[in-house]
Amino acid sequence: MGKPVILVSSVTYAMKGRDLLTRRGVRAYVERIPPSSTTGCGYGIYVPHGADEAERILTENGIKILGRLEQEARP
């Protein structure tokens, strides 16, 4: 199973989202992902547990989500 990464429009939103989720008790990390037309800036928010809840929190707080991907976990 891959790592759930929530895609956002910029590294600034990735950091704001991580900080917001951390304040709400959700572990979150800014992750570098390969940039493309879908992933935009090449950064996302990795949420090890509760990605659906994290998306809800981000959306309710005005952080636009571009999508979600399952990034291959590194050994």
PDB file of N, CA and C in Angstrom:
ATOM      1  N   MET A   1       0.842  -1.181   0.000  1.00  0.00           N
ATOM      2  CA  MET A   1       0.000   0.000   0.000  1.00  0.00           C
ATOM      3  C   MET A   1       0.885   1.242   0.000  1.00  0.00           C
ATOM      4  N   GLY A   2       0.505   2.251  -0.765  1.00  0.00           N
ATOM      5  CA  GLY A   2       1.286   3.465  -0.894  1.00  0.00           C
ATOM      6  C   GLY A   2       1.028   4.457   0.224  1.00  0.00           C
ATOM      7  N   LYS A   3       1.767   5.565   0.143  1.00  0.00           N
ATOM      8  CA  LYS A   3       1.616   6.644   1.100  1.00  0.00           C
ATOM      9  C   LYS A   3       0.574   7.625   0.567  1.00  0.00           C
ATOM     10  N   PRO A   4      -0.475   7.923   1.344  1.00  0.00           N
ATOM     11  CA  PRO A   4      -1.473   8.889   0.874  1.00  0.00           C
ATOM     12  C   PRO A   4      -0.928  10.317   0.932  1.00  0.00           C
ATOM     13  N   VAL A   5      -0.870  10.969  -0.231  1.00  0.00           N
ATOM     14  CA  VAL A   5      -0.372  12.340  -0.325  1.00  0.00           C
ATOM     15  C   VAL A   5      -1.482  13.214  -0.905  1.00  0.00           C
ATOM     16  N   ILE A   6      -1.826  14.258  -0.167  1.00  0.00           N
ATOM     17  CA  ILE A   6      -2.847  15.208  -0.603  1.00  0.00           C
ATOM     18  C   ILE A   6      -2.148  16.296  -1.415  1.00  0.00           C
ATOM     19  N   LEU A   7      -2.605  16.492  -2.629  1.00  0.00           N
ATOM     20  CA  LEU A   7      -1.984  17.465  -3.532  1.00  0.00           C
ATOM     21  C   LEU A   7      -2.589  18.846  -3.319  1.00  0.00           C
ATOM     22  N   VAL A   8      -1.720  19.847  -3.205  1.00  0.00           N
ATOM     23  CA  VAL A   8      -2.152  21.233  -3.049  1.00  0.00           C
ATOM     24  C   VAL A   8      -1.443  22.086  -4.102  1.00  0.00           C
ATOM     25  N   SER A   9      -1.862  23.332  -4.232  1.00  0.00           N
ATOM     26  CA  SER A   9      -1.404  24.155  -5.348  1.00  0.00           C
ATOM     27  C   SER A   9      -0.018  24.765  -5.189  1.00  0.00           C
ATOM     28  N   SER A  10       0.521  24.816  -3.960  1.00  0.00           N
ATOM     29  CA  SER A  10       1.840  25.418  -3.781  1.00  0.00           C
ATOM     30  C   SER A  10       2.507  24.883  -2.527  1.00  0.00           C
ATOM     31  N   VAL A  11       3.796  25.097  -2.424  1.00  0.00           N
ATOM     32  CA  VAL A  11       4.519  24.679  -1.228  1.00  0.00           C
ATOM     33  C   VAL A  11       4.032  25.477  -0.021  1.00  0.00           C
ATOM     34  N   THR A  12       3.605  26.714  -0.246  1.00  0.00           N
ATOM     35  CA  THR A  12       3.067  27.529   0.842  1.00  0.00           C
ATOM     36  C   THR A  12       1.809  26.886   1.419  1.00  0.00           C
ATOM     37  N   TYR A  13       0.901  26.426   0.555  1.00  0.00           N
ATOM     38  CA  TYR A  13      -0.309  25.761   1.039  1.00  0.00           C
ATOM     39  C   TYR A  13       0.017  24.419   1.677  1.00  0.00           C
ATOM     40  N   ALA A  14       1.052  23.751   1.195  1.00  0.00           N
ATOM     41  CA  ALA A  14       1.460  22.490   1.823  1.00  0.00           C
ATOM     42  C   ALA A  14       1.919  22.744   3.260  1.00  0.00           C
ATOM     43  N   MET A  15       2.693  23.794   3.476  1.00  0.00           N
ATOM     44  CA  MET A  15       3.168  24.108   4.829  1.00  0.00           C
ATOM     45  C   MET A  15       2.032  24.588   5.730  1.00  0.00           C
ATOM     46  N   LYS A  16       1.158  25.442   5.177  1.00  0.00           N
ATOM     47  CA  LYS A  16       0.004  25.904   5.960  1.00  0.00           C
ATOM     48  C   LYS A  16      -0.897  24.731   6.330  1.00  0.00           C
ATOM     49  N   GLY A  17      -1.119  23.823   5.371  1.00  0.00           N
ATOM     50  CA  GLY A  17      -1.952  22.654   5.629  1.00  0.00           C
ATOM     51  C   GLY A  17      -1.349  21.743   6.675  1.00  0.00           C
ATOM     52  N   ARG A  18      -0.045  21.502   6.564  1.00  0.00           N
ATOM     53  CA  ARG A  18       0.646  20.680   7.566  1.00  0.00           C
ATOM     54  C   ARG A  18       0.492  21.283   8.959  1.00  0.00           C
ATOM     55  N   ASP A  19       0.692  22.590   9.072  1.00  0.00           N
ATOM     56  CA  ASP A  19       0.590  23.252  10.373  1.00  0.00           C
ATOM     57  C   ASP A  19      -0.832  23.179  10.925  1.00  0.00           C
ATOM     58  N   LEU A  20      -1.812  23.385  10.070  1.00  0.00           N
ATOM     59  CA  LEU A  20      -3.211  23.305  10.470  1.00  0.00           C
ATOM     60  C   LEU A  20      -3.551  21.902  10.975  1.00  0.00           C
ATOM     61  N   LEU A  21      -3.160  20.894  10.216  1.00  0.00           N
ATOM     62  CA  LEU A  21      -3.454  19.521  10.605  1.00  0.00           C
ATOM     63  C   LEU A  21      -2.753  19.150  11.908  1.00  0.00           C
ATOM     64  N   THR A  22      -1.524  19.598  12.070  1.00  0.00           N
ATOM     65  CA  THR A  22      -0.788  19.317  13.304  1.00  0.00           C
ATOM     66  C   THR A  22      -1.499  19.927  14.507  1.00  0.00           C
ATOM     67  N   ARG A  23      -1.995  21.157  14.352  1.00  0.00           N
ATOM     68  CA  ARG A  23      -2.750  21.799  15.439  1.00  0.00           C
ATOM     69  C   ARG A  23      -4.023  21.033  15.771  1.00  0.00           C
ATOM     70  N   ARG A  24      -4.578  20.335  14.783  1.00  0.00           N
ATOM     71  CA  ARG A  24      -5.806  19.556  14.985  1.00  0.00           C
ATOM     72  C   ARG A  24      -5.516  18.119  15.434  1.00  0.00           C
ATOM     73  N   GLY A  25      -4.246  17.800  15.659  1.00  0.00           N
ATOM     74  CA  GLY A  25      -3.887  16.482  16.152  1.00  0.00           C
ATOM     75  C   GLY A  25      -3.696  15.422  15.079  1.00  0.00           C
ATOM     76  N   VAL A  26      -3.555  15.859  13.826  1.00  0.00           N
ATOM     77  CA  VAL A  26      -3.351  14.927  12.714  1.00  0.00           C
ATOM     78  C   VAL A  26      -1.886  15.023  12.294  1.00  0.00           C
ATOM     79  N   ARG A  27      -1.181  13.894  12.304  1.00  0.00           N
ATOM     80  CA  ARG A  27       0.212  13.907  11.843  1.00  0.00           C
ATOM     81  C   ARG A  27       0.247  14.175  10.348  1.00  0.00           C
ATOM     82  N   ALA A  28       1.082  15.127   9.955  1.00  0.00           N
ATOM     83  CA  ALA A  28       1.171  15.507   8.545  1.00  0.00           C
ATOM     84  C   ALA A  28       2.572  16.000   8.245  1.00  0.00           C
ATOM     85  N   TYR A  29       3.029  15.721   7.027  1.00  0.00           N
ATOM     86  CA  TYR A  29       4.377  16.076   6.608  1.00  0.00           C
ATOM     87  C   TYR A  29       4.333  16.615   5.183  1.00  0.00           C
ATOM     88  N   VAL A  30       5.149  17.629   4.911  1.00  0.00           N
ATOM     89  CA  VAL A  30       5.276  18.132   3.546  1.00  0.00           C
ATOM     90  C   VAL A  30       6.185  17.164   2.796  1.00  0.00           C
ATOM     91  N   GLU A  31       5.731  16.719   1.630  1.00  0.00           N
ATOM     92  CA  GLU A  31       6.483  15.757   0.812  1.00  0.00           C
ATOM     93  C   GLU A  31       6.764  16.335  -0.560  1.00  0.00           C
ATOM     94  N   ARG A  32       7.927  16.075  -1.068  1.00  0.00           N
ATOM     95  CA  ARG A  32       8.282  16.447  -2.445  1.00  0.00           C
ATOM     96  C   ARG A  32       7.792  15.333  -3.354  1.00  0.00           C
ATOM     97  N   ILE A  33       7.096  15.709  -4.397  1.00  0.00           N
ATOM     98  CA  ILE A  33       6.608  14.735  -5.370  1.00  0.00           C
ATOM     99  C   ILE A  33       7.021  15.201  -6.760  1.00  0.00           C
ATOM    100  N   PRO A  34       7.096  14.300  -7.712  1.00  0.00           N
ATOM    101  CA  PRO A  34       7.479  14.714  -9.069  1.00  0.00           C
ATOM    102  C   PRO A  34       6.465  15.706  -9.643  1.00  0.00           C
ATOM    103  N   PRO A  35       6.921  16.893 -10.070  1.00  0.00           N
ATOM    104  CA  PRO A  35       5.989  17.868 -10.641  1.00  0.00           C
ATOM    105  C   PRO A  35       5.441  17.398 -11.986  1.00  0.00           C
ATOM    106  N   SER A  36       4.177  17.704 -12.223  1.00  0.00           N
ATOM    107  CA  SER A  36       3.525  17.419 -13.505  1.00  0.00           C
ATOM    108  C   SER A  36       2.373  18.396 -13.660  1.00  0.00           C
ATOM    109  N   SER A  37       1.654  18.288 -14.745  1.00  0.00           N
ATOM    110  CA  SER A  37       0.505  19.182 -14.942  1.00  0.00           C
ATOM    111  C   SER A  37      -0.580  18.905 -13.902  1.00  0.00           C
ATOM    112  N   THR A  38      -0.636  17.700 -13.360  1.00  0.00           N
ATOM    113  CA  THR A  38      -1.630  17.341 -12.345  1.00  0.00           C
ATOM    114  C   THR A  38      -1.186  17.764 -10.957  1.00  0.00           C
ATOM    115  N   THR A  39       0.081  17.540 -10.636  1.00  0.00           N
ATOM    116  CA  THR A  39       0.554  17.795  -9.278  1.00  0.00           C
ATOM    117  C   THR A  39       1.014  19.220  -9.050  1.00  0.00           C
ATOM    118  N   GLY A  40       1.079  20.013 -10.083  1.00  0.00           N
ATOM    119  CA  GLY A  40       1.440  21.419  -9.928  1.00  0.00           C
ATOM    120  C   GLY A  40       2.866  21.622  -9.456  1.00  0.00           C
ATOM    121  N   CYS A  41       3.023  22.218  -8.280  1.00  0.00           N
ATOM    122  CA  CYS A  41       4.330  22.660  -7.795  1.00  0.00           C
ATOM    123  C   CYS A  41       5.262  21.526  -7.405  1.00  0.00           C
ATOM    124  N   GLY A  42       4.736  20.353  -7.181  1.00  0.00           N
ATOM    125  CA  GLY A  42       5.586  19.241  -6.799  1.00  0.00           C
ATOM    126  C   GLY A  42       5.675  19.021  -5.305  1.00  0.00           C
ATOM    127  N   TYR A  43       4.726  19.567  -4.552  1.00  0.00           N
ATOM    128  CA  TYR A  43       4.674  19.339  -3.111  1.00  0.00           C
ATOM    129  C   TYR A  43       3.269  18.907  -2.718  1.00  0.00           C
ATOM    130  N   GLY A  44       3.215  18.099  -1.686  1.00  0.00           N
ATOM    131  CA  GLY A  44       1.929  17.655  -1.171  1.00  0.00           C
ATOM    132  C   GLY A  44       2.046  17.439   0.327  1.00  0.00           C
ATOM    133  N   ILE A  45       0.954  17.000   0.919  1.00  0.00           N
ATOM    134  CA  ILE A  45       0.909  16.747   2.352  1.00  0.00           C
ATOM    135  C   ILE A  45       0.704  15.254   2.558  1.00  0.00           C
ATOM    136  N   TYR A  46       1.700  14.619   3.162  1.00  0.00           N
ATOM    137  CA  TYR A  46       1.605  13.193   3.474  1.00  0.00           C
ATOM    138  C   TYR A  46       0.932  13.046   4.832  1.00  0.00           C
ATOM    139  N   VAL A  47      -0.144  12.262   4.855  1.00  0.00           N
ATOM    140  CA  VAL A  47      -0.889  12.001   6.079  1.00  0.00           C
ATOM    141  C   VAL A  47      -0.903  10.487   6.290  1.00  0.00           C
ATOM    142  N   PRO A  48      -0.100   9.987   7.253  1.00  0.00           N
ATOM    143  CA  PRO A  48      -0.004   8.541   7.446  1.00  0.00           C
ATOM    144  C   PRO A  48      -1.333   7.876   7.810  1.00  0.00           C
ATOM    145  N   HIS A  49      -2.168   8.570   8.590  1.00  0.00           N
ATOM    146  CA  HIS A  49      -3.444   8.008   9.029  1.00  0.00           C
ATOM    147  C   HIS A  49      -4.516   9.090   8.983  1.00  0.00           C
ATOM    148  N   GLY A  50      -5.682   8.754   8.454  1.00  0.00           N
ATOM    149  CA  GLY A  50      -6.798   9.695   8.443  1.00  0.00           C
ATOM    150  C   GLY A  50      -6.768  10.700   7.316  1.00  0.00           C
ATOM    151  N   ALA A  51      -6.393  10.264   6.116  1.00  0.00           N
ATOM    152  CA  ALA A  51      -6.313  11.188   4.981  1.00  0.00           C
ATOM    153  C   ALA A  51      -7.671  11.786   4.631  1.00  0.00           C
ATOM    154  N   ASP A  52      -8.751  11.009   4.773  1.00  0.00           N
ATOM    155  CA  ASP A  52     -10.082  11.547   4.475  1.00  0.00           C
ATOM    156  C   ASP A  52     -10.437  12.674   5.438  1.00  0.00           C
ATOM    157  N   GLU A  53     -10.177  12.480   6.723  1.00  0.00           N
ATOM    158  CA  GLU A  53     -10.438  13.516   7.719  1.00  0.00           C
ATOM    159  C   GLU A  53      -9.560  14.739   7.453  1.00  0.00           C
ATOM    160  N   ALA A  54      -8.314  14.495   7.076  1.00  0.00           N
ATOM    161  CA  ALA A  54      -7.395  15.598   6.779  1.00  0.00           C
ATOM    162  C   ALA A  54      -7.908  16.430   5.606  1.00  0.00           C
ATOM    163  N   GLU A  55      -8.388  15.777   4.565  1.00  0.00           N
ATOM    164  CA  GLU A  55      -8.942  16.502   3.413  1.00  0.00           C
ATOM    165  C   GLU A  55     -10.120  17.366   3.841  1.00  0.00           C
ATOM    166  N   ARG A  56     -10.977  16.825   4.689  1.00  0.00           N
ATOM    167  CA  ARG A  56     -12.137  17.583   5.169  1.00  0.00           C
ATOM    168  C   ARG A  56     -11.686  18.829   5.935  1.00  0.00           C
ATOM    169  N   ILE A  57     -10.725  18.664   6.838  1.00  0.00           N
ATOM    170  CA  ILE A  57     -10.214  19.790   7.626  1.00  0.00           C
ATOM    171  C   ILE A  57      -9.612  20.856   6.717  1.00  0.00           C
ATOM    172  N   LEU A  58      -8.809  20.439   5.757  1.00  0.00           N
ATOM    173  CA  LEU A  58      -8.180  21.391   4.839  1.00  0.00           C
ATOM    174  C   LEU A  58      -9.225  22.161   4.036  1.00  0.00           C
ATOM    175  N   THR A  59     -10.184  21.443   3.484  1.00  0.00           N
ATOM    176  CA  THR A  59     -11.237  22.076   2.678  1.00  0.00           C
ATOM    177  C   THR A  59     -12.046  23.069   3.512  1.00  0.00           C
ATOM    178  N   GLU A  60     -12.419  22.676   4.727  1.00  0.00           N
ATOM    179  CA  GLU A  60     -13.193  23.558   5.602  1.00  0.00           C
ATOM    180  C   GLU A  60     -12.433  24.824   5.972  1.00  0.00           C
ATOM    181  N   ASN A  61     -11.118  24.788   5.863  1.00  0.00           N
ATOM    182  CA  ASN A  61     -10.297  25.936   6.221  1.00  0.00           C
ATOM    183  C   ASN A  61      -9.724  26.661   5.007  1.00  0.00           C
ATOM    184  N   GLY A  62     -10.317  26.438   3.850  1.00  0.00           N
ATOM    185  CA  GLY A  62      -9.996  27.218   2.660  1.00  0.00           C
ATOM    186  C   GLY A  62      -8.748  26.795   1.900  1.00  0.00           C
ATOM    187  N   ILE A  63      -8.239  25.603   2.157  1.00  0.00           N
ATOM    188  CA  ILE A  63      -7.081  25.128   1.407  1.00  0.00           C
ATOM    189  C   ILE A  63      -7.586  24.240   0.276  1.00  0.00           C
ATOM    190  N   LYS A  64      -7.356  24.700  -0.947  1.00  0.00           N
ATOM    191  CA  LYS A  64      -7.848  23.980  -2.121  1.00  0.00           C
ATOM    192  C   LYS A  64      -7.025  22.719  -2.352  1.00  0.00           C
ATOM    193  N   ILE A  65      -7.731  21.622  -2.521  1.00  0.00           N
ATOM    194  CA  ILE A  65      -7.088  20.333  -2.764  1.00  0.00           C
ATOM    195  C   ILE A  65      -7.195  20.003  -4.246  1.00  0.00           C
ATOM    196  N   LEU A  66      -6.053  19.697  -4.857  1.00  0.00           N
ATOM    197  CA  LEU A  66      -6.026  19.355  -6.284  1.00  0.00           C
ATOM    198  C   LEU A  66      -6.314  17.877  -6.518  1.00  0.00           C
ATOM    199  N   GLY A  67      -6.119  17.061  -5.505  1.00  0.00           N
ATOM    200  CA  GLY A  67      -6.338  15.622  -5.642  1.00  0.00           C
ATOM    201  C   GLY A  67      -5.562  14.869  -4.588  1.00  0.00           C
ATOM    202  N   ARG A  68      -5.499  13.569  -4.791  1.00  0.00           N
ATOM    203  CA  ARG A  68      -4.771  12.725  -3.859  1.00  0.00           C
ATOM    204  C   ARG A  68      -4.113  11.612  -4.643  1.00  0.00           C
ATOM    205  N   LEU A  69      -2.925  11.236  -4.218  1.00  0.00           N
ATOM    206  CA  LEU A  69      -2.262  10.112  -4.874  1.00  0.00           C
ATOM    207  C   LEU A  69      -1.668   9.204  -3.815  1.00  0.00           C
ATOM    208  N   GLU A  70      -1.415   7.995  -4.214  1.00  0.00           N
ATOM    209  CA  GLU A  70      -0.745   7.023  -3.356  1.00  0.00           C
ATOM    210  C   GLU A  70       0.686   6.932  -3.872  1.00  0.00           C
ATOM    211  N   GLN A  71       1.580   7.578  -3.166  1.00  0.00           N
ATOM    212  CA  GLN A  71       2.981   7.565  -3.558  1.00  0.00           C
ATOM    213  C   GLN A  71       3.614   6.266  -3.072  1.00  0.00           C
ATOM    214  N   GLU A  72       4.470   5.696  -3.891  1.00  0.00           N
ATOM    215  CA  GLU A  72       5.119   4.446  -3.523  1.00  0.00           C
ATOM    216  C   GLU A  72       5.990   4.661  -2.290  1.00  0.00           C
ATOM    217  N   ALA A  73       5.788   3.805  -1.293  1.00  0.00           N
ATOM    218  CA  ALA A  73       6.572   3.912  -0.056  1.00  0.00           C
ATOM    219  C   ALA A  73       7.990   3.449  -0.309  1.00  0.00           C
ATOM    220  N   ARG A  74       8.937   4.186   0.253  1.00  0.00           N
ATOM    221  CA  ARG A  74      10.351   3.818   0.111  1.00  0.00           C
ATOM    222  C   ARG A  74      10.708   2.852   1.238  1.00  0.00           C
ATOM    223  N   PRO A  75      11.561   1.871   0.952  1.00  0.00           N
ATOM    224  CA  PRO A  75      11.958   0.925   2.001  1.00  0.00           C
ATOM    225  C   PRO A  75      12.809   1.557   3.077  1.00  0.00           C
TER     226      PRO A  75
END
